[in-house]
């Protein structure tokens, strides 16, 4: 019985630490996204080669937009998962 209680206590501590770590990770990732995403997409859209031609074709631009959108979706899902239901 005593071993079971110790095991349960250890699992609760572990789960609690994971929740805190996940919240911290998601918060840090969101701050990075907020600081970088819009500027990155703007640079991708406006980037030119030395000859003045666009750096990226439309397919490459769309792929980078989807990358940023998926990044935002992972943040949103992480925030939802890290927020306990009431």
C-alpha atoms as a PDB file:
ATOM      1  CA  UNK A   1       0.000   0.000   0.000  1.00  0.00           C
ATOM      2  CA  UNK A   2       2.795   2.399   0.937  1.00  0.00           C
ATOM      3  CA  UNK A   3       4.583   1.706  -2.367  1.00  0.00           C
ATOM      4  CA  UNK A   4       1.364   2.380  -4.252  1.00  0.00           C
ATOM      5  CA  UNK A   5       0.923   5.754  -2.522  1.00  0.00           C
ATOM      6  CA  UNK A   6       4.502   6.731  -3.337  1.00  0.00           C
ATOM      7  CA  UNK A   7       3.988   5.701  -6.954  1.00  0.00           C
ATOM      8  CA  UNK A   8       0.739   7.697  -7.216  1.00  0.00           C
ATOM      9  CA  UNK A   9       2.398  10.754  -5.649  1.00  0.00           C
ATOM     10  CA  UNK A  10       5.313  10.519  -8.079  1.00  0.00           C
ATOM     11  CA  UNK A  11       2.959  10.251 -11.050  1.00  0.00           C
ATOM     12  CA  UNK A  12       0.971  13.294  -9.921  1.00  0.00           C
ATOM     13  CA  UNK A  13       4.175  15.318  -9.566  1.00  0.00           C
ATOM     14  CA  UNK A  14       5.324  14.153 -13.006  1.00  0.00           C
ATOM     15  CA  UNK A  15       1.996  15.052 -14.622  1.00  0.00           C
ATOM     16  CA  UNK A  16       1.997  18.451 -12.920  1.00  0.00           C
ATOM     17  CA  UNK A  17       5.526  19.180 -14.161  1.00  0.00           C
ATOM     18  CA  UNK A  18       4.587  18.218 -17.685  1.00  0.00           C
ATOM     19  CA  UNK A  19       1.627  20.603 -17.585  1.00  0.00           C
ATOM     20  CA  UNK A  20       3.832  23.478 -16.425  1.00  0.00           C
ATOM     21  CA  UNK A  21       6.469  22.649 -19.030  1.00  0.00           C
ATOM     22  CA  UNK A  22       3.857  22.483 -21.769  1.00  0.00           C
ATOM     23  CA  UNK A  23       2.400  25.846 -20.747  1.00  0.00           C
ATOM     24  CA  UNK A  24       5.873  27.381 -20.715  1.00  0.00           C
ATOM     25  CA  UNK A  25       6.761  25.851 -24.069  1.00  0.00           C
ATOM     26  CA  UNK A  26       3.530  27.011 -25.717  1.00  0.00           C
ATOM     27  CA  UNK A  27       3.893  30.517 -24.247  1.00  0.00           C
ATOM     28  CA  UNK A  28       7.464  30.781 -25.533  1.00  0.00           C
ATOM     29  CA  UNK A  29       6.494  29.429 -28.942  1.00  0.00           C
ATOM     30  CA  UNK A  30       3.618  31.945 -29.153  1.00  0.00           C
ATOM     31  CA  UNK A  31       5.959  34.830 -28.298  1.00  0.00           C
ATOM     32  CA  UNK A  32       8.331  33.673 -31.043  1.00  0.00           C
ATOM     33  CA  UNK A  33       5.446  33.366 -33.502  1.00  0.00           C
ATOM     34  CA  UNK A  34       4.153  36.837 -32.628  1.00  0.00           C
ATOM     35  CA  UNK A  35       7.631  38.312 -33.101  1.00  0.00           C
ATOM     36  CA  UNK A  36       8.518  36.513 -36.335  1.00  0.00           C
ATOM     37  CA  UNK A  37       5.556  35.247 -38.379  1.00  0.00           C
ATOM     38  CA  UNK A  38       4.205  38.436 -39.966  1.00  0.00           C
ATOM     39  CA  UNK A  39       7.644  39.809 -40.767  1.00  0.00           C
ATOM     40  CA  UNK A  40       8.749  36.460 -42.206  1.00  0.00           C
ATOM     41  CA  UNK A  41       5.727  36.273 -44.504  1.00  0.00           C
ATOM     42  CA  UNK A  42       6.275  39.871 -45.569  1.00  0.00           C
ATOM     43  CA  UNK A  43       9.923  39.155 -46.393  1.00  0.00           C
ATOM     44  CA  UNK A  44       8.987  36.016 -48.325  1.00  0.00           C
ATOM     45  CA  UNK A  45       6.462  37.995 -50.355  1.00  0.00           C
ATOM     46  CA  UNK A  46       8.822  40.915 -51.102  1.00  0.00           C
ATOM     47  CA  UNK A  47      12.168  39.104 -51.378  1.00  0.00           C
ATOM     48  CA  UNK A  48      13.976  39.735 -54.665  1.00  0.00           C
ATOM     49  CA  UNK A  49      17.015  38.224 -56.335  1.00  0.00           C
ATOM     50  CA  UNK A  50      19.923  40.424 -57.422  1.00  0.00           C
ATOM     51  CA  UNK A  51      18.335  40.786 -60.872  1.00  0.00           C
ATOM     52  CA  UNK A  52      15.103  42.133 -59.328  1.00  0.00           C
ATOM     53  CA  UNK A  53      13.115  38.973 -59.960  1.00  0.00           C
ATOM     54  CA  UNK A  54      11.067  37.466 -57.118  1.00  0.00           C
ATOM     55  CA  UNK A  55      13.090  35.161 -54.868  1.00  0.00           C
ATOM     56  CA  UNK A  56      10.208  32.692 -54.571  1.00  0.00           C
ATOM     57  CA  UNK A  57       7.595  31.524 -57.050  1.00  0.00           C
ATOM     58  CA  UNK A  58       3.941  31.397 -55.996  1.00  0.00           C
ATOM     59  CA  UNK A  59       4.112  27.719 -55.023  1.00  0.00           C
ATOM     60  CA  UNK A  60       7.067  28.413 -52.708  1.00  0.00           C
ATOM     61  CA  UNK A  61       5.270  31.403 -51.196  1.00  0.00           C
ATOM     62  CA  UNK A  62       2.121  29.325 -50.613  1.00  0.00           C
ATOM     63  CA  UNK A  63       4.188  26.554 -48.998  1.00  0.00           C
ATOM     64  CA  UNK A  64       5.738  29.046 -46.579  1.00  0.00           C
ATOM     65  CA  UNK A  65       2.314  30.494 -45.770  1.00  0.00           C
ATOM     66  CA  UNK A  66       1.046  26.987 -44.955  1.00  0.00           C
ATOM     67  CA  UNK A  67       4.107  26.445 -42.769  1.00  0.00           C
ATOM     68  CA  UNK A  68       3.280  29.558 -40.718  1.00  0.00           C
ATOM     69  CA  UNK A  69      -0.415  28.597 -40.580  1.00  0.00           C
ATOM     70  CA  UNK A  70       0.480  25.130 -39.265  1.00  0.00           C
ATOM     71  CA  UNK A  71       2.776  26.738 -36.677  1.00  0.00           C
ATOM     72  CA  UNK A  72      -0.167  28.872 -35.470  1.00  0.00           C
ATOM     73  CA  UNK A  73      -2.449  25.817 -35.383  1.00  0.00           C
ATOM     74  CA  UNK A  74       0.072  23.934 -33.207  1.00  0.00           C
ATOM     75  CA  UNK A  75       0.212  26.900 -30.821  1.00  0.00           C
ATOM     76  CA  UNK A  76      -3.597  27.104 -30.650  1.00  0.00           C
ATOM     77  CA  UNK A  77      -3.851  23.347 -30.031  1.00  0.00           C
ATOM     78  CA  UNK A  78      -1.102  23.537 -27.401  1.00  0.00           C
ATOM     79  CA  UNK A  79      -2.887  26.367 -25.604  1.00  0.00           C
ATOM     80  CA  UNK A  80      -6.129  24.387 -25.619  1.00  0.00           C
ATOM     81  CA  UNK A  81      -4.384  21.254 -24.328  1.00  0.00           C
ATOM     82  CA  UNK A  82      -2.519  23.172 -21.619  1.00  0.00           C
ATOM     83  CA  UNK A  83      -5.695  24.818 -20.336  1.00  0.00           C
ATOM     84  CA  UNK A  84      -7.506  22.541 -17.911  1.00  0.00           C
ATOM     85  CA  UNK A  85     -11.228  22.148 -18.421  1.00  0.00           C
ATOM     86  CA  UNK A  86     -13.444  23.505 -15.673  1.00  0.00           C
END
